[in-house]
Amino acid sequence: MVASAPVAFLFDADNTLLDNDRVVQRWVASIDERLGPGAGRHYRLAYEAVRTECDYADYLGAVQRAWVDDARDPRWLGVADFLLDLPFEQYVFPGALEALHRARALGPTWIVSDGDSVFQPRKLRRAGLWEAVRGNVMIFVHKEQALEEIERRCPAGRYVMVDDKLRILDAMKRDWGERLVTVFVEQGHYAEDAQERVGRRPADRTIRTIGAFPSLAGTLR
């Protein structure tokens, strides 16, 4: 049985440690380059349809949907390879690895990410983030609905959650209360969307970039 720690640090991945907005922009541009103008938009529509059905981001599933919808145009068959082989280490935010290393010096540190079971782990490995937390990675469809499993895998008296989505921080705070310190990282399109803040309680701490976390970390224990 895993011993309980005084405090554990939990980090979101997309747009918290990794610039996923820039990944998607490069990805969609590459589809236009390979298949012609408009193909990227076609992929976006397929992606939104799959996301609505599955309730999570399934980038590879959207490729299959776009391929089927496009009369199984064989040019789509190589598209997924480009995404899987992207040099994700180039999209890690400045200071992200330092943030993880600093947290690890203070307590158990995990990446707790939403996503699928194939592409998301590959992305984290290729980005170097998996190794940075020594394989302490949990992936869920909705992590804010998996708090019991998080506690079971990473038992702690208190938690620090670092995320770019105020909605998720608010939901976790409602369940864990004062056991949780929430850190809102104002990066990415969710953090910049004013509507995402409506009706949400402010985070306990707010930082502009993940690079500011190491100087804050010591005050969170």
Protein backbone atom coordinates (compact mmCIF):
# COMPACT_ATOMS: atom_id res chain seq x y z
CA MET A 1 0.00 0.00 0.00
CA VAL A 2 1.27 3.47 -0.90
CA ALA A 3 2.07 5.57 2.18
CA SER A 4 0.19 8.83 2.56
CA ALA A 5 2.25 11.99 2.00
CA PRO A 6 1.67 15.34 3.74
CA VAL A 7 1.14 17.05 0.38
CA ALA A 8 1.05 15.90 -3.25
CA PHE A 9 1.31 17.98 -6.40
CA LEU A 10 -0.99 17.33 -9.37
CA PHE A 11 -0.40 18.93 -12.76
CA ASP A 12 -2.66 19.10 -15.78
CA ALA A 13 -0.86 18.59 -19.10
CA ASP A 14 -2.47 20.34 -22.08
CA ASN A 15 -1.97 24.11 -22.00
CA THR A 16 -0.52 23.79 -18.49
CA LEU A 17 2.76 22.02 -19.19
CA LEU A 18 2.45 21.66 -22.97
CA ASP A 19 1.34 24.30 -25.49
CA ASN A 20 -1.46 22.20 -26.92
CA ASP A 21 -3.04 25.16 -28.73
CA ARG A 22 0.12 25.47 -30.81
CA VAL A 23 0.19 21.71 -31.40
CA VAL A 24 -3.36 21.82 -32.80
CA GLN A 25 -2.57 24.84 -35.00
CA ARG A 26 0.43 23.04 -36.49
CA TRP A 27 -1.57 19.86 -36.89
CA VAL A 28 -4.47 21.51 -38.73
CA ALA A 29 -2.07 23.49 -40.95
CA SER A 30 -0.32 20.24 -41.88
CA ILE A 31 -3.64 18.73 -42.98
CA ASP A 32 -4.24 21.68 -45.32
CA GLU A 33 -0.70 21.29 -46.65
CA ARG A 34 -1.18 17.58 -47.32
CA LEU A 35 -4.78 17.44 -48.54
CA GLY A 36 -5.44 20.96 -49.76
CA PRO A 37 -7.24 24.06 -48.46
CA GLY A 38 -10.35 23.26 -46.46
CA ALA A 39 -9.17 19.85 -45.30
CA GLY A 40 -8.13 21.28 -41.95
CA ARG A 41 -11.61 22.70 -41.43
CA HIS A 42 -13.08 19.34 -42.39
CA TYR A 43 -10.93 17.72 -39.71
CA ARG A 44 -12.04 20.31 -37.14
CA LEU A 45 -15.70 19.47 -37.81
CA ALA A 46 -14.96 15.76 -37.45
CA TYR A 47 -13.07 16.44 -34.24
CA GLU A 48 -15.97 18.38 -32.72
CA ALA A 49 -18.42 15.63 -33.71
CA VAL A 50 -16.27 12.93 -32.09
CA ARG A 51 -15.72 15.08 -29.02
CA THR A 52 -19.48 15.52 -28.60
CA GLU A 53 -20.03 11.78 -28.87
CA CYS A 54 -17.12 10.65 -26.66
CA ASP A 55 -17.01 13.65 -24.30
CA TYR A 56 -13.22 13.94 -24.58
CA ALA A 57 -10.63 15.00 -27.15
CA ASP A 58 -9.92 12.09 -29.52
CA TYR A 59 -7.56 13.45 -32.16
CA LEU A 60 -6.93 10.07 -33.80
CA GLY A 61 -10.59 9.12 -33.76
CA ALA A 62 -11.32 12.38 -35.58
CA VAL A 63 -8.87 11.39 -38.32
CA GLN A 64 -10.83 8.21 -38.88
CA ARG A 65 -14.11 10.14 -38.90
CA ALA A 66 -12.75 12.64 -41.44
CA TRP A 67 -11.42 9.79 -43.61
CA VAL A 68 -14.81 8.02 -43.63
CA ASP A 69 -16.70 11.26 -44.27
CA ASP A 70 -14.35 12.06 -47.17
CA ALA A 71 -15.23 8.89 -49.09
CA ARG A 72 -12.20 7.17 -47.57
CA ASP A 73 -9.78 9.33 -49.50
CA PRO A 74 -6.47 7.41 -49.07
CA ARG A 75 -4.56 10.63 -48.48
CA TRP A 76 -6.01 10.68 -44.95
CA LEU A 77 -4.23 7.41 -44.12
CA GLY A 78 -0.89 9.08 -43.51
CA VAL A 79 -2.26 12.02 -41.58
CA ALA A 80 -2.26 10.33 -38.18
CA ASP A 81 1.42 9.45 -38.54
CA PHE A 82 2.30 13.14 -38.70
CA LEU A 83 0.47 13.78 -35.43
CA LEU A 84 1.97 10.78 -33.65
CA ASP A 85 5.48 11.74 -34.73
CA LEU A 86 5.33 15.44 -33.89
CA PRO A 87 8.37 16.60 -31.87
CA PHE A 88 6.27 17.35 -28.80
CA GLU A 89 9.33 18.30 -26.78
CA GLN A 90 9.38 21.51 -28.83
CA TYR A 91 5.95 22.45 -27.48
CA VAL A 92 6.70 22.15 -23.76
CA PHE A 93 6.21 25.54 -22.11
CA PRO A 94 9.34 27.28 -20.83
CA GLY A 95 9.76 26.44 -17.17
CA ALA A 96 7.43 23.42 -17.23
CA LEU A 97 10.12 20.84 -16.51
CA GLU A 98 11.56 23.06 -13.80
CA ALA A 99 8.08 23.28 -12.24
CA LEU A 100 7.82 19.49 -12.10
CA HIS A 101 11.32 19.11 -10.68
CA ARG A 102 10.63 21.72 -8.00
CA ALA A 103 7.36 20.02 -7.02
CA ARG A 104 9.07 16.63 -6.82
CA ALA A 105 11.48 18.07 -4.26
CA LEU A 106 8.51 18.91 -2.04
CA GLY A 107 6.24 15.89 -2.38
CA PRO A 108 4.83 13.20 -4.69
CA THR A 109 4.20 14.75 -8.10
CA TRP A 110 1.80 13.45 -10.73
CA ILE A 111 0.52 14.51 -14.11
CA VAL A 112 -3.28 14.14 -14.04
CA SER A 113 -4.57 14.68 -17.55
CA ASP A 114 -7.77 14.29 -19.52
CA GLY A 115 -7.54 12.44 -22.82
CA ASP A 116 -7.55 9.09 -24.59
CA SER A 117 -5.48 6.01 -23.78
CA VAL A 118 -3.31 5.98 -26.93
CA PHE A 119 -2.40 9.45 -28.13
CA GLN A 120 -2.22 11.20 -24.77
CA PRO A 121 0.40 8.86 -23.24
CA ARG A 122 2.47 8.99 -26.44
CA LYS A 123 2.37 12.79 -26.42
CA LEU A 124 3.49 12.96 -22.79
CA ARG A 125 6.31 10.49 -23.39
CA ARG A 126 7.61 12.22 -26.52
CA ALA A 127 7.46 15.58 -24.76
CA GLY A 128 9.63 14.29 -21.90
CA LEU A 129 6.90 14.96 -19.36
CA TRP A 130 6.29 11.29 -18.54
CA GLU A 131 9.93 10.82 -17.59
CA ALA A 132 9.99 14.09 -15.65
CA VAL A 133 7.45 12.65 -13.17
CA ARG A 134 8.99 9.15 -13.31
CA GLY A 135 5.86 7.65 -14.82
CA ASN A 136 3.47 9.10 -12.24
CA VAL A 137 0.73 9.74 -14.79
CA MET A 138 -3.02 9.35 -14.53
CA ILE A 139 -5.31 9.89 -17.53
CA PHE A 140 -9.07 10.20 -17.27
CA VAL A 141 -11.98 11.32 -19.39
CA HIS A 142 -12.81 13.84 -16.64
CA LYS A 143 -10.29 14.01 -13.79
CA GLU A 144 -12.60 16.12 -11.64
CA GLN A 145 -14.91 13.06 -11.54
CA ALA A 146 -12.11 10.68 -10.57
CA LEU A 147 -11.00 12.09 -7.23
CA GLU A 148 -11.42 8.80 -5.36
CA GLU A 149 -9.07 7.07 -7.79
CA ILE A 150 -6.58 9.93 -7.55
CA GLU A 151 -6.63 9.60 -3.76
CA ARG A 152 -6.17 5.84 -3.99
CA ARG A 153 -3.18 6.08 -6.34
CA CYS A 154 -1.67 9.12 -4.65
CA PRO A 155 -2.80 9.29 -1.01
CA ALA A 156 -1.99 12.60 0.69
CA GLY A 157 -3.21 14.80 3.46
CA ARG A 158 -3.40 17.79 1.13
CA TYR A 159 -3.17 18.37 -2.60
CA VAL A 160 -2.03 21.14 -4.91
CA MET A 161 -3.73 21.11 -8.34
CA VAL A 162 -2.19 23.14 -11.18
CA ASP A 163 -4.45 23.64 -14.20
CA ASP A 164 -5.36 26.09 -16.96
CA LYS A 165 -9.11 25.41 -16.59
CA LEU A 166 -10.85 27.25 -13.78
CA ARG A 167 -13.89 25.02 -14.27
CA ILE A 168 -11.90 21.95 -13.25
CA LEU A 169 -10.20 23.68 -10.33
CA ASP A 170 -13.58 24.87 -9.06
CA ALA A 171 -15.13 21.39 -9.32
CA MET A 172 -12.23 19.77 -7.48
CA LYS A 173 -12.30 22.45 -4.78
CA ARG A 174 -15.98 21.79 -4.18
CA ASP A 175 -15.23 18.14 -3.40
CA TRP A 176 -11.90 18.41 -1.59
CA GLY A 177 -12.44 21.76 0.11
CA GLU A 178 -9.55 23.00 2.23
CA ARG A 179 -7.56 19.86 1.49
CA LEU A 180 -6.90 21.33 -1.95
CA VAL A 181 -4.90 24.38 -2.99
CA THR A 182 -5.79 25.37 -6.55
CA VAL A 183 -3.28 27.07 -8.82
CA PHE A 184 -4.69 28.64 -11.98
CA VAL A 185 -2.22 29.03 -14.87
CA GLU A 186 -3.42 31.72 -17.26
CA GLN A 187 -2.22 30.02 -20.44
CA GLY A 188 -4.16 28.79 -23.46
CA HIS A 189 -7.56 29.49 -24.93
CA TYR A 190 -9.58 28.24 -21.95
CA ALA A 191 -7.75 30.55 -19.57
CA GLU A 192 -8.27 33.47 -21.95
CA ASP A 193 -12.02 32.83 -22.38
CA ALA A 194 -13.93 35.17 -20.05
CA GLN A 195 -17.01 32.92 -20.23
CA GLU A 196 -15.01 30.12 -18.63
CA ARG A 197 -14.76 32.25 -15.48
CA VAL A 198 -18.44 33.03 -15.12
CA GLY A 199 -19.83 31.45 -11.97
CA ARG A 200 -16.48 29.95 -10.97
CA ARG A 201 -14.78 30.69 -7.68
CA PRO A 202 -11.30 32.22 -8.04
CA ALA A 203 -8.35 29.88 -7.64
CA ASP A 204 -6.33 30.05 -4.43
CA ARG A 205 -3.32 31.19 -6.45
CA THR A 206 -3.02 32.52 -9.99
CA ILE A 207 0.13 32.63 -12.09
CA ARG A 208 0.59 33.98 -15.60
CA THR A 209 2.79 31.12 -16.80
CA ILE A 210 3.92 27.73 -15.56
CA GLY A 211 7.43 29.20 -15.39
CA ALA A 212 6.30 31.15 -12.31
CA PHE A 213 5.48 27.99 -10.38
CA PRO A 214 8.91 27.14 -8.91
CA SER A 215 9.10 30.42 -6.99
CA LEU A 216 5.57 29.85 -5.67
CA ALA A 217 5.88 26.16 -4.82
CA GLY A 218 7.46 26.50 -1.38
CA THR A 219 4.51 28.53 -0.11
CA LEU A 220 1.96 25.87 -1.05
CA ARG A 221 2.89 23.12 1.40
